Amino acid sequence: KFPAEFFVKQCADVYGENFNDNALLSGVDRTNIIYGALKPTTSNVLFVHGSIDPWHALGLTKTDTNQPQPTIYIEGTAHCANMYEPSENDLPQLKAAREEIVKFIDALLQ
C-alpha cells in the first residue's frame, strides 16, 4: 500500500512539476463537476461494482431512494466480474447480479 503522495510524486517525476497536488485537486474537482461526483444526473445507467474491485470506493454502490440510478454491489467479486464469461463456478451473488443486469437492459428495450 502506497500513500497518494507517492503517486503524485511519480506523476511529477514523469510529466513535470506541473503535475502536483494542486493539479490533482483541480482535476478531481473538474471531473466531479462534469460527471456529478456521487450524485450523477444520469438515466438508463446501472452502476455495478464488486466488493474486491479497488474502484468501487469511487462509485455508487447502493441505491439511494432520492436518486433514479440503480446499483448492484456484488460481494466477493473483482473489477468487471459481471462482464466475464459466465461459469458454473461463479458465486451465486454474481449469477444473481447478471440476472438483474439482463432485467434492467430488457426493461430499457421495452
PDB file of N, CA and C in Angstrom:
ATOM      1  N   LYS A   1       0.847  -1.175   0.000  1.00  0.00           N
ATOM      2  CA  LYS A   1       0.000   0.000   0.000  1.00  0.00           C
ATOM      3  C   LYS A   1       0.892   1.239   0.000  1.00  0.00           C
ATOM      4  N   PHE A   2       0.653   2.069  -0.989  1.00  0.00           N
ATOM      5  CA  PHE A   2       1.431   3.295  -1.126  1.00  0.00           C
ATOM      6  C   PHE A   2       0.533   4.500  -0.849  1.00  0.00           C
ATOM      7  N   PRO A   3       1.066   5.527  -0.228  1.00  0.00           N
ATOM      8  CA  PRO A   3       0.259   6.734   0.013  1.00  0.00           C
ATOM      9  C   PRO A   3       0.053   7.494  -1.297  1.00  0.00           C
ATOM     10  N   ALA A   4      -0.998   8.291  -1.347  1.00  0.00           N
ATOM     11  CA  ALA A   4      -1.310   9.079  -2.547  1.00  0.00           C
ATOM     12  C   ALA A   4      -0.138   9.961  -2.945  1.00  0.00           C
ATOM     13  N   GLU A   5       0.600  10.454  -1.964  1.00  0.00           N
ATOM     14  CA  GLU A   5       1.741  11.331  -2.250  1.00  0.00           C
ATOM     15  C   GLU A   5       2.769  10.638  -3.149  1.00  0.00           C
ATOM     16  N   PHE A   6       2.918   9.331  -2.990  1.00  0.00           N
ATOM     17  CA  PHE A   6       3.846   8.559  -3.824  1.00  0.00           C
ATOM     18  C   PHE A   6       3.477   8.704  -5.297  1.00  0.00           C
ATOM     19  N   PHE A   7       2.180   8.574  -5.599  1.00  0.00           N
ATOM     20  CA  PHE A   7       1.732   8.627  -6.986  1.00  0.00           C
ATOM     21  C   PHE A   7       1.774  10.049  -7.538  1.00  0.00           C
ATOM     22  N   VAL A   8       1.482  11.029  -6.707  1.00  0.00           N
ATOM     23  CA  VAL A   8       1.593  12.426  -7.141  1.00  0.00           C
ATOM     24  C   VAL A   8       3.043  12.726  -7.493  1.00  0.00           C
ATOM     25  N   LYS A   9       3.964  12.286  -6.652  1.00  0.00           N
ATOM     26  CA  LYS A   9       5.400  12.497  -6.914  1.00  0.00           C
ATOM     27  C   LYS A   9       5.814  11.761  -8.178  1.00  0.00           C
ATOM     28  N   GLN A  10       5.299  10.572  -8.386  1.00  0.00           N
ATOM     29  CA  GLN A  10       5.617   9.797  -9.579  1.00  0.00           C
ATOM     30  C   GLN A  10       5.168  10.551 -10.836  1.00  0.00           C
ATOM     31  N   CYS A  11       3.972  11.119 -10.810  1.00  0.00           N
ATOM     32  CA  CYS A  11       3.484  11.906 -11.953  1.00  0.00           C
ATOM     33  C   CYS A  11       4.378  13.119 -12.194  1.00  0.00           C
ATOM     34  N   ALA A  12       4.766  13.810 -11.123  1.00  0.00           N
ATOM     35  CA  ALA A  12       5.640  14.979 -11.260  1.00  0.00           C
ATOM     36  C   ALA A  12       6.988  14.568 -11.836  1.00  0.00           C
ATOM     37  N   ASP A  13       7.502  13.425 -11.409  1.00  0.00           N
ATOM     38  CA  ASP A  13       8.783  12.944 -11.932  1.00  0.00           C
ATOM     39  C   ASP A  13       8.701  12.604 -13.412  1.00  0.00           C
ATOM     40  N   VAL A  14       7.610  12.034 -13.833  1.00  0.00           N
ATOM     41  CA  VAL A  14       7.462  11.601 -15.220  1.00  0.00           C
ATOM     42  C   VAL A  14       7.006  12.744 -16.132  1.00  0.00           C
ATOM     43  N   TYR A  15       6.015  13.528 -15.681  1.00  0.00           N
ATOM     44  CA  TYR A  15       5.388  14.517 -16.558  1.00  0.00           C
ATOM     45  C   TYR A  15       5.782  15.961 -16.257  1.00  0.00           C
ATOM     46  N   GLY A  16       6.508  16.196 -15.187  1.00  0.00           N
ATOM     47  CA  GLY A  16       6.932  17.546 -14.863  1.00  0.00           C
ATOM     48  C   GLY A  16       6.275  18.062 -13.602  1.00  0.00           C
ATOM     49  N   GLU A  17       6.862  19.122 -13.074  1.00  0.00           N
ATOM     50  CA  GLU A  17       6.418  19.672 -11.798  1.00  0.00           C
ATOM     51  C   GLU A  17       5.014  20.273 -11.820  1.00  0.00           C
ATOM     52  N   ASN A  18       4.440  20.481 -13.011  1.00  0.00           N
ATOM     53  CA  ASN A  18       3.057  20.984 -13.093  1.00  0.00           C
ATOM     54  C   ASN A  18       2.053  19.952 -12.586  1.00  0.00           C
ATOM     55  N   PHE A  19       2.461  18.685 -12.564  1.00  0.00           N
ATOM     56  CA  PHE A  19       1.598  17.619 -12.062  1.00  0.00           C
ATOM     57  C   PHE A  19       1.857  17.468 -10.564  1.00  0.00           C
ATOM     58  N   ASN A  20       1.164  18.289  -9.781  1.00  0.00           N
ATOM     59  CA  ASN A  20       1.361  18.333  -8.339  1.00  0.00           C
ATOM     60  C   ASN A  20       0.013  18.225  -7.633  1.00  0.00           C
ATOM     61  N   ASP A  21       0.009  18.432  -6.332  1.00  0.00           N
ATOM     62  CA  ASP A  21      -1.245  18.331  -5.558  1.00  0.00           C
ATOM     63  C   ASP A  21      -2.331  19.255  -6.092  1.00  0.00           C
ATOM     64  N   ASN A  22      -1.963  20.478  -6.447  1.00  0.00           N
ATOM     65  CA  ASN A  22      -2.956  21.434  -6.948  1.00  0.00           C
ATOM     66  C   ASN A  22      -3.569  20.969  -8.260  1.00  0.00           C
ATOM     67  N   ALA A  23      -2.737  20.440  -9.154  1.00  0.00           N
ATOM     68  CA  ALA A  23      -3.246  19.934 -10.426  1.00  0.00           C
ATOM     69  C   ALA A  23      -4.178  18.747 -10.192  1.00  0.00           C
ATOM     70  N   LEU A  24      -3.802  17.891  -9.269  1.00  0.00           N
ATOM     71  CA  LEU A  24      -4.630  16.732  -8.947  1.00  0.00           C
ATOM     72  C   LEU A  24      -5.984  17.156  -8.394  1.00  0.00           C
ATOM     73  N   LEU A  25      -5.978  18.048  -7.414  1.00  0.00           N
ATOM     74  CA  LEU A  25      -7.234  18.517  -6.823  1.00  0.00           C
ATOM     75  C   LEU A  25      -8.098  19.234  -7.848  1.00  0.00           C
ATOM     76  N   SER A  26      -7.482  20.018  -8.703  1.00  0.00           N
ATOM     77  CA  SER A  26      -8.219  20.707  -9.764  1.00  0.00           C
ATOM     78  C   SER A  26      -8.860  19.696 -10.718  1.00  0.00           C
ATOM     79  N   GLY A  27      -8.115  18.661 -11.071  1.00  0.00           N
ATOM     80  CA  GLY A  27      -8.644  17.620 -11.956  1.00  0.00           C
ATOM     81  C   GLY A  27      -9.801  16.857 -11.335  1.00  0.00           C
ATOM     82  N   VAL A  28      -9.678  16.555 -10.058  1.00  0.00           N
ATOM     83  CA  VAL A  28     -10.762  15.857  -9.343  1.00  0.00           C
ATOM     84  C   VAL A  28     -12.005  16.736  -9.299  1.00  0.00           C
ATOM     85  N   ASP A  29     -11.814  18.013  -8.964  1.00  0.00           N
ATOM     86  CA  ASP A  29     -12.955  18.938  -8.922  1.00  0.00           C
ATOM     87  C   ASP A  29     -13.643  19.021 -10.277  1.00  0.00           C
ATOM     88  N   ARG A  30     -12.849  19.134 -11.336  1.00  0.00           N
ATOM     89  CA  ARG A  30     -13.411  19.238 -12.694  1.00  0.00           C
ATOM     90  C   ARG A  30     -14.193  17.968 -13.061  1.00  0.00           C
ATOM     91  N   THR A  31     -13.612  16.824 -12.764  1.00  0.00           N
ATOM     92  CA  THR A  31     -14.288  15.558 -13.063  1.00  0.00           C
ATOM     93  C   THR A  31     -15.602  15.457 -12.294  1.00  0.00           C
ATOM     94  N   ASN A  32     -15.586  15.836 -11.017  1.00  0.00           N
ATOM     95  CA  ASN A  32     -16.808  15.773 -10.216  1.00  0.00           C
ATOM     96  C   ASN A  32     -17.878  16.726 -10.735  1.00  0.00           C
ATOM     97  N   ILE A  33     -17.470  17.900 -11.215  1.00  0.00           N
ATOM     98  CA  ILE A  33     -18.432  18.845 -11.789  1.00  0.00           C
ATOM     99  C   ILE A  33     -19.035  18.284 -13.070  1.00  0.00           C
ATOM    100  N   ILE A  34     -18.190  17.754 -13.931  1.00  0.00           N
ATOM    101  CA  ILE A  34     -18.663  17.234 -15.225  1.00  0.00           C
ATOM    102  C   ILE A  34     -19.574  16.016 -15.047  1.00  0.00           C
ATOM    103  N   TYR A  35     -19.179  15.085 -14.162  1.00  0.00           N
ATOM    104  CA  TYR A  35     -19.901  13.819 -14.052  1.00  0.00           C
ATOM    105  C   TYR A  35     -20.816  13.715 -12.842  1.00  0.00           C
ATOM    106  N   GLY A  36     -20.852  14.719 -11.989  1.00  0.00           N
ATOM    107  CA  GLY A  36     -21.798  14.708 -10.877  1.00  0.00           C
ATOM    108  C   GLY A  36     -21.322  14.044  -9.609  1.00  0.00           C
ATOM    109  N   ALA A  37     -20.047  13.671  -9.541  1.00  0.00           N
ATOM    110  CA  ALA A  37     -19.483  13.033  -8.340  1.00  0.00           C
ATOM    111  C   ALA A  37     -20.356  11.852  -7.925  1.00  0.00           C
ATOM    112  N   LEU A  38     -20.750  11.784  -6.660  1.00  0.00           N
ATOM    113  CA  LEU A  38     -21.572  10.673  -6.185  1.00  0.00           C
ATOM    114  C   LEU A  38     -23.062  10.958  -6.309  1.00  0.00           C
ATOM    115  N   LYS A  39     -23.415  12.025  -7.018  1.00  0.00           N
ATOM    116  CA  LYS A  39     -24.820  12.346  -7.290  1.00  0.00           C
ATOM    117  C   LYS A  39     -24.982  12.677  -8.777  1.00  0.00           C
ATOM    118  N   PRO A  40     -24.671  11.699  -9.635  1.00  0.00           N
ATOM    119  CA  PRO A  40     -24.764  11.963 -11.077  1.00  0.00           C
ATOM    120  C   PRO A  40     -26.211  12.157 -11.521  1.00  0.00           C
ATOM    121  N   THR A  41     -26.373  12.904 -12.571  1.00  0.00           N
ATOM    122  CA  THR A  41     -27.714  13.113 -13.141  1.00  0.00           C
ATOM    123  C   THR A  41     -27.790  12.324 -14.446  1.00  0.00           C
ATOM    124  N   THR A  42     -27.861  11.027 -14.302  1.00  0.00           N
ATOM    125  CA  THR A  42     -27.906  10.139 -15.455  1.00  0.00           C
ATOM    126  C   THR A  42     -29.245   9.422 -15.500  1.00  0.00           C
ATOM    127  N   SER A  43     -29.507   8.851 -16.638  1.00  0.00           N
ATOM    128  CA  SER A  43     -30.665   7.972 -16.762  1.00  0.00           C
ATOM    129  C   SER A  43     -30.224   6.782 -17.604  1.00  0.00           C
ATOM    130  N   ASN A  44     -30.940   5.697 -17.464  1.00  0.00           N
ATOM    131  CA  ASN A  44     -30.627   4.480 -18.207  1.00  0.00           C
ATOM    132  C   ASN A  44     -29.220   3.970 -17.922  1.00  0.00           C
ATOM    133  N   VAL A  45     -28.748   4.186 -16.702  1.00  0.00           N
ATOM    134  CA  VAL A  45     -27.425   3.731 -16.294  1.00  0.00           C
ATOM    135  C   VAL A  45     -27.578   2.836 -15.070  1.00  0.00           C
ATOM    136  N   LEU A  46     -26.926   1.702 -15.107  1.00  0.00           N
ATOM    137  CA  LEU A  46     -26.896   0.779 -13.980  1.00  0.00           C
ATOM    138  C   LEU A  46     -25.457   0.728 -13.477  1.00  0.00           C
ATOM    139  N   PHE A  47     -25.249   1.058 -12.213  1.00  0.00           N
ATOM    140  CA  PHE A  47     -23.909   1.067 -11.638  1.00  0.00           C
ATOM    141  C   PHE A  47     -23.660  -0.286 -10.978  1.00  0.00           C
ATOM    142  N   VAL A  48     -22.629  -0.997 -11.450  1.00  0.00           N
ATOM    143  CA  VAL A  48     -22.307  -2.330 -10.950  1.00  0.00           C
ATOM    144  C   VAL A  48     -20.873  -2.324 -10.421  1.00  0.00           C
ATOM    145  N   HIS A  49     -20.715  -2.758  -9.176  1.00  0.00           N
ATOM    146  CA  HIS A  49     -19.388  -2.818  -8.564  1.00  0.00           C
ATOM    147  C   HIS A  49     -19.240  -4.104  -7.770  1.00  0.00           C
ATOM    148  N   GLY A  50     -18.010  -4.599  -7.726  1.00  0.00           N
ATOM    149  CA  GLY A  50     -17.678  -5.743  -6.889  1.00  0.00           C
ATOM    150  C   GLY A  50     -16.950  -5.279  -5.639  1.00  0.00           C
ATOM    151  N   SER A  51     -17.110  -6.031  -4.566  1.00  0.00           N
ATOM    152  CA  SER A  51     -16.517  -5.614  -3.289  1.00  0.00           C
ATOM    153  C   SER A  51     -14.989  -5.655  -3.304  1.00  0.00           C
ATOM    154  N   ILE A  52     -14.381  -6.467  -4.186  1.00  0.00           N
ATOM    155  CA  ILE A  52     -12.919  -6.507  -4.232  1.00  0.00           C
ATOM    156  C   ILE A  52     -12.378  -5.631  -5.356  1.00  0.00           C
ATOM    157  N   ASP A  53     -13.244  -4.944  -6.032  1.00  0.00           N
ATOM    158  CA  ASP A  53     -12.836  -4.000  -7.070  1.00  0.00           C
ATOM    159  C   ASP A  53     -12.259  -2.762  -6.387  1.00  0.00           C
ATOM    160  N   PRO A  54     -11.000  -2.436  -6.649  1.00  0.00           N
ATOM    161  CA  PRO A  54     -10.429  -1.269  -5.972  1.00  0.00           C
ATOM    162  C   PRO A  54     -11.120   0.041  -6.336  1.00  0.00           C
ATOM    163  N   TRP A  55     -11.857   0.050  -7.442  1.00  0.00           N
ATOM    164  CA  TRP A  55     -12.536   1.271  -7.877  1.00  0.00           C
ATOM    165  C   TRP A  55     -13.899   1.454  -7.237  1.00  0.00           C
ATOM    166  N   HIS A  56     -14.419   0.446  -6.545  1.00  0.00           N
ATOM    167  CA  HIS A  56     -15.788   0.552  -6.024  1.00  0.00           C
ATOM    168  C   HIS A  56     -15.950   1.717  -5.046  1.00  0.00           C
ATOM    169  N   ALA A  57     -14.881   2.081  -4.370  1.00  0.00           N
ATOM    170  CA  ALA A  57     -14.974   3.190  -3.404  1.00  0.00           C
ATOM    171  C   ALA A  57     -15.235   4.525  -4.092  1.00  0.00           C
ATOM    172  N   LEU A  58     -15.000   4.586  -5.390  1.00  0.00           N
ATOM    173  CA  LEU A  58     -15.205   5.825  -6.138  1.00  0.00           C
ATOM    174  C   LEU A  58     -16.533   5.832  -6.880  1.00  0.00           C
ATOM    175  N   GLY A  59     -17.335   4.816  -6.703  1.00  0.00           N
ATOM    176  CA  GLY A  59     -18.585   4.734  -7.448  1.00  0.00           C
ATOM    177  C   GLY A  59     -19.791   4.573  -6.553  1.00  0.00           C
ATOM    178  N   LEU A  60     -20.940   4.502  -7.182  1.00  0.00           N
ATOM    179  CA  LEU A  60     -22.193   4.283  -6.464  1.00  0.00           C
ATOM    180  C   LEU A  60     -22.308   2.793  -6.158  1.00  0.00           C
ATOM    181  N   THR A  61     -22.500   2.457  -4.895  1.00  0.00           N
ATOM    182  CA  THR A  61     -22.577   1.049  -4.506  1.00  0.00           C
ATOM    183  C   THR A  61     -23.897   0.671  -3.852  1.00  0.00           C
ATOM    184  N   LYS A  62     -24.731   1.661  -3.567  1.00  0.00           N
ATOM    185  CA  LYS A  62     -26.069   1.335  -3.063  1.00  0.00           C
ATOM    186  C   LYS A  62     -27.057   2.342  -3.633  1.00  0.00           C
ATOM    187  N   THR A  63     -28.245   1.847  -3.891  1.00  0.00           N
ATOM    188  CA  THR A  63     -29.271   2.684  -4.481  1.00  0.00           C
ATOM    189  C   THR A  63     -29.816   3.639  -3.438  1.00  0.00           C
ATOM    190  N   ASP A  64     -29.775   4.913  -3.777  1.00  0.00           N
ATOM    191  CA  ASP A  64     -30.319   5.963  -2.924  1.00  0.00           C
ATOM    192  C   ASP A  64     -31.748   6.212  -3.386  1.00  0.00           C
ATOM    193  N   THR A  65     -32.694   6.147  -2.473  1.00  0.00           N
ATOM    194  CA  THR A  65     -34.095   6.318  -2.860  1.00  0.00           C
ATOM    195  C   THR A  65     -34.373   7.707  -3.439  1.00  0.00           C
ATOM    196  N   ASN A  66     -33.473   8.661  -3.194  1.00  0.00           N
ATOM    197  CA  ASN A  66     -33.646  10.007  -3.746  1.00  0.00           C
ATOM    198  C   ASN A  66     -33.019  10.152  -5.132  1.00  0.00           C
ATOM    199  N   GLN A  67     -32.404   9.104  -5.628  1.00  0.00           N
ATOM    200  CA  GLN A  67     -31.733   9.155  -6.926  1.00  0.00           C
ATOM    201  C   GLN A  67     -32.307   8.064  -7.826  1.00  0.00           C
ATOM    202  N   PRO A  68     -32.417   8.331  -9.112  1.00  0.00           N
ATOM    203  CA  PRO A  68     -33.009   7.339 -10.014  1.00  0.00           C
ATOM    204  C   PRO A  68     -32.036   6.262 -10.498  1.00  0.00           C
ATOM    205  N   GLN A  69     -30.761   6.363 -10.143  1.00  0.00           N
ATOM    206  CA  GLN A  69     -29.780   5.415 -10.664  1.00  0.00           C
ATOM    207  C   GLN A  69     -29.732   4.149  -9.808  1.00  0.00           C
ATOM    208  N   PRO A  70     -30.073   3.011 -10.406  1.00  0.00           N
ATOM    209  CA  PRO A  70     -29.988   1.757  -9.664  1.00  0.00           C
ATOM    210  C   PRO A  70     -28.526   1.288  -9.568  1.00  0.00           C
ATOM    211  N   THR A  71     -28.243   0.524  -8.521  1.00  0.00           N
ATOM    212  CA  THR A  71     -26.900  -0.007  -8.323  1.00  0.00           C
ATOM    213  C   THR A  71     -26.974  -1.488  -7.990  1.00  0.00           C
ATOM    214  N   ILE A  72     -25.891  -2.177  -8.306  1.00  0.00           N
ATOM    215  CA  ILE A  72     -25.725  -3.565  -7.902  1.00  0.00           C
ATOM    216  C   ILE A  72     -24.327  -3.666  -7.301  1.00  0.00           C
ATOM    217  N   TYR A  73     -24.259  -4.131  -6.069  1.00  0.00           N
ATOM    218  CA  TYR A  73     -22.991  -4.321  -5.370  1.00  0.00           C
ATOM    219  C   TYR A  73     -22.826  -5.818  -5.148  1.00  0.00           C
ATOM    220  N   ILE A  74     -21.759  -6.387  -5.704  1.00  0.00           N
ATOM    221  CA  ILE A  74     -21.588  -7.836  -5.673  1.00  0.00           C
ATOM    222  C   ILE A  74     -20.463  -8.200  -4.706  1.00  0.00           C
ATOM    223  N   GLU A  75     -20.836  -8.787  -3.584  1.00  0.00           N
ATOM    224  CA  GLU A  75     -19.840  -9.221  -2.592  1.00  0.00           C
ATOM    225  C   GLU A  75     -18.944 -10.307  -3.189  1.00  0.00           C
ATOM    226  N   GLY A  76     -17.645 -10.149  -2.966  1.00  0.00           N
ATOM    227  CA  GLY A  76     -16.702 -11.195  -3.348  1.00  0.00           C
ATOM    228  C   GLY A  76     -16.264 -11.197  -4.797  1.00  0.00           C
ATOM    229  N   THR A  77     -16.558 -10.132  -5.536  1.00  0.00           N
ATOM    230  CA  THR A  77     -16.136 -10.107  -6.936  1.00  0.00           C
ATOM    231  C   THR A  77     -15.200  -8.929  -7.202  1.00  0.00           C
ATOM    232  N   ALA A  78     -14.430  -9.074  -8.247  1.00  0.00           N
ATOM    233  CA  ALA A  78     -13.440  -8.068  -8.616  1.00  0.00           C
ATOM    234  C   ALA A  78     -13.972  -7.182  -9.744  1.00  0.00           C
ATOM    235  N   HIS A  79     -13.105  -6.339 -10.251  1.00  0.00           N
ATOM    236  CA  HIS A  79     -13.445  -5.371 -11.299  1.00  0.00           C
ATOM    237  C   HIS A  79     -14.015  -6.069 -12.533  1.00  0.00           C
ATOM    238  N   CYS A  80     -15.202  -5.665 -12.929  1.00  0.00           N
ATOM    239  CA  CYS A  80     -15.875  -6.152 -14.152  1.00  0.00           C
ATOM    240  C   CYS A  80     -16.184  -7.646 -14.151  1.00  0.00           C
ATOM    241  N   ALA A  81     -16.238  -8.272 -12.988  1.00  0.00           N
ATOM    242  CA  ALA A  81     -16.517  -9.712 -12.938  1.00  0.00           C
ATOM    243  C   ALA A  81     -17.847 -10.046 -13.600  1.00  0.00           C
ATOM    244  N   ASN A  82     -18.798  -9.141 -13.518  1.00  0.00           N
ATOM    245  CA  ASN A  82     -20.108  -9.383 -14.129  1.00  0.00           C
ATOM    246  C   ASN A  82     -20.029  -9.431 -15.652  1.00  0.00           C
ATOM    247  N   MET A  83     -18.921  -8.953 -16.212  1.00  0.00           N
ATOM    248  CA  MET A  83     -18.765  -8.943 -17.664  1.00  0.00           C
ATOM    249  C   MET A  83     -17.961 -10.140 -18.182  1.00  0.00           C
ATOM    250  N   TYR A  84     -17.427 -10.940 -17.254  1.00  0.00           N
ATOM    251  CA  TYR A  84     -16.674 -12.128 -17.655  1.00  0.00           C
ATOM    252  C   TYR A  84     -17.636 -13.173 -18.209  1.00  0.00           C
ATOM    253  N   GLU A  85     -17.081 -14.091 -18.946  1.00  0.00           N
ATOM    254  CA  GLU A  85     -17.866 -15.215 -19.445  1.00  0.00           C
ATOM    255  C   GLU A  85     -18.431 -15.985 -18.249  1.00  0.00           C
ATOM    256  N   PRO A  86     -19.740 -16.243 -18.221  1.00  0.00           N
ATOM    257  CA  PRO A  86     -20.313 -16.988 -17.094  1.00  0.00           C
ATOM    258  C   PRO A  86     -19.699 -18.381 -16.950  1.00  0.00           C
ATOM    259  N   SER A  87     -19.606 -18.825 -15.707  1.00  0.00           N
ATOM    260  CA  SER A  87     -19.059 -20.141 -15.401  1.00  0.00           C
ATOM    261  C   SER A  87     -19.944 -20.792 -14.346  1.00  0.00           C
ATOM    262  N   GLU A  88     -19.999 -22.106 -14.372  1.00  0.00           N
ATOM    263  CA  GLU A  88     -20.778 -22.806 -13.343  1.00  0.00           C
ATOM    264  C   GLU A  88     -20.154 -22.610 -11.959  1.00  0.00           C
ATOM    265  N   ASN A  89     -18.898 -22.175 -11.914  1.00  0.00           N
ATOM    266  CA  ASN A  89     -18.217 -21.946 -10.637  1.00  0.00           C
ATOM    267  C   ASN A  89     -18.417 -20.529 -10.098  1.00  0.00           C
ATOM    268  N   ASP A  90     -19.172 -19.695 -10.805  1.00  0.00           N
ATOM    269  CA  ASP A  90     -19.407 -18.321 -10.353  1.00  0.00           C
ATOM    270  C   ASP A  90     -20.151 -18.317  -9.019  1.00  0.00           C
ATOM    271  N   LEU A  91     -19.872 -17.305  -8.223  1.00  0.00           N
ATOM    272  CA  LEU A  91     -20.576 -17.126  -6.961  1.00  0.00           C
ATOM    273  C   LEU A  91     -22.067 -16.911  -7.220  1.00  0.00           C
ATOM    274  N   PRO A  92     -22.924 -17.390  -6.327  1.00  0.00           N
ATOM    275  CA  PRO A  92     -24.365 -17.203  -6.514  1.00  0.00           C
ATOM    276  C   PRO A  92     -24.747 -15.728  -6.650  1.00  0.00           C
ATOM    277  N   GLN A  93     -24.091 -14.842  -5.885  1.00  0.00           N
ATOM    278  CA  GLN A  93     -24.416 -13.420  -5.966  1.00  0.00           C
ATOM    279  C   GLN A  93     -23.995 -12.816  -7.309  1.00  0.00           C
ATOM    280  N   LEU A  94     -22.977 -13.375  -7.944  1.00  0.00           N
ATOM    281  CA  LEU A  94     -22.579 -12.920  -9.275  1.00  0.00           C
ATOM    282  C   LEU A  94     -23.614 -13.372 -10.306  1.00  0.00           C
ATOM    283  N   LYS A  95     -24.075 -14.600 -10.179  1.00  0.00           N
ATOM    284  CA  LYS A  95     -25.122 -15.101 -11.078  1.00  0.00           C
ATOM    285  C   LYS A  95     -26.386 -14.259 -10.939  1.00  0.00           C
ATOM    286  N   ALA A  96     -26.760 -13.947  -9.702  1.00  0.00           N
ATOM    287  CA  ALA A  96     -27.956 -13.132  -9.454  1.00  0.00           C
ATOM    288  C   ALA A  96     -27.779 -11.727 -10.032  1.00  0.00           C
ATOM    289  N   ALA A  97     -26.595 -11.176  -9.898  1.00  0.00           N
ATOM    290  CA  ALA A  97     -26.329  -9.838 -10.439  1.00  0.00           C
ATOM    291  C   ALA A  97     -26.482  -9.835 -11.950  1.00  0.00           C
ATOM    292  N   ARG A  98     -25.969 -10.845 -12.600  1.00  0.00           N
ATOM    293  CA  ARG A  98     -26.115 -10.932 -14.065  1.00  0.00           C
ATOM    294  C   ARG A  98     -27.589 -10.974 -14.464  1.00  0.00           C
ATOM    295  N   GLU A  99     -28.389 -11.694 -13.704  1.00  0.00           N
ATOM    296  CA  GLU A  99     -29.825 -11.752 -13.991  1.00  0.00           C
ATOM    297  C   GLU A  99     -30.460 -10.372 -13.833  1.00  0.00           C
ATOM    298  N   GLU A 100     -30.075  -9.640 -12.800  1.00  0.00           N
ATOM    299  CA  GLU A 100     -30.597  -8.277 -12.593  1.00  0.00           C
ATOM    300  C   GLU A 100     -30.171  -7.349 -13.731  1.00  0.00           C
ATOM    301  N   ILE A 101     -28.953  -7.512 -14.194  1.00  0.00           N
ATOM    302  CA  ILE A 101     -28.464  -6.686 -15.301  1.00  0.00           C
ATOM    303  C   ILE A 101     -29.291  -6.949 -16.555  1.00  0.00           C
ATOM    304  N   VAL A 102     -29.559  -8.211 -16.830  1.00  0.00           N
ATOM    305  CA  VAL A 102     -30.375  -8.565 -18.001  1.00  0.00           C
ATOM    306  C   VAL A 102     -31.777  -7.971 -17.873  1.00  0.00           C
ATOM    307  N   LYS A 103     -32.374  -8.048 -16.684  1.00  0.00           N
ATOM    308  CA  LYS A 103     -33.709  -7.459 -16.470  1.00  0.00           C
ATOM    309  C   LYS A 103     -33.688  -5.954 -16.712  1.00  0.00           C
ATOM    310  N   PHE A 104     -32.642  -5.304 -16.230  1.00  0.00           N
ATOM    311  CA  PHE A 104     -32.515  -3.851 -16.404  1.00  0.00           C
ATOM    312  C   PHE A 104     -32.441  -3.508 -17.894  1.00  0.00           C
ATOM    313  N   ILE A 105     -31.613  -4.214 -18.626  1.00  0.00           N
ATOM    314  CA  ILE A 105     -31.458  -3.957 -20.064  1.00  0.00           C
ATOM    315  C   ILE A 105     -32.754  -4.278 -20.808  1.00  0.00           C
ATOM    316  N   ASP A 106     -33.363  -5.400 -20.464  1.00  0.00           N
ATOM    317  CA  ASP A 106     -34.645  -5.760 -21.097  1.00  0.00           C
ATOM    318  C   ASP A 106     -35.702  -4.670 -20.887  1.00  0.00           C
ATOM    319  N   ALA A 107     -35.764  -4.124 -19.681  1.00  0.00           N
ATOM    320  CA  ALA A 107     -36.748  -3.069 -19.393  1.00  0.00           C
ATOM    321  C   ALA A 107     -36.481  -1.836 -20.238  1.00  0.00           C
ATOM    322  N   LEU A 108     -35.232  -1.530 -20.497  1.00  0.00           N
ATOM    323  CA  LEU A 108     -34.914  -0.371 -21.344  1.00  0.00           C
ATOM    324  C   LEU A 108     -35.362  -0.586 -22.783  1.00  0.00           C
ATOM    325  N   LEU A 109     -35.338  -1.827 -23.214  1.00  0.00           N
ATOM    326  CA  LEU A 109     -35.674  -2.151 -24.604  1.00  0.00           C
ATOM    327  C   LEU A 109     -37.181  -2.266 -24.837  1.00  0.00           C
ATOM    328  N   GLN A 110     -37.968  -2.244 -23.766  1.00  0.00           N
ATOM    329  CA  GLN A 110     -39.426  -2.369 -23.910  1.00  0.00           C
ATOM    330  C   GLN A 110     -40.039  -1.095 -24.444  1.00  0.00           C
TER     331      GLN A 110
END
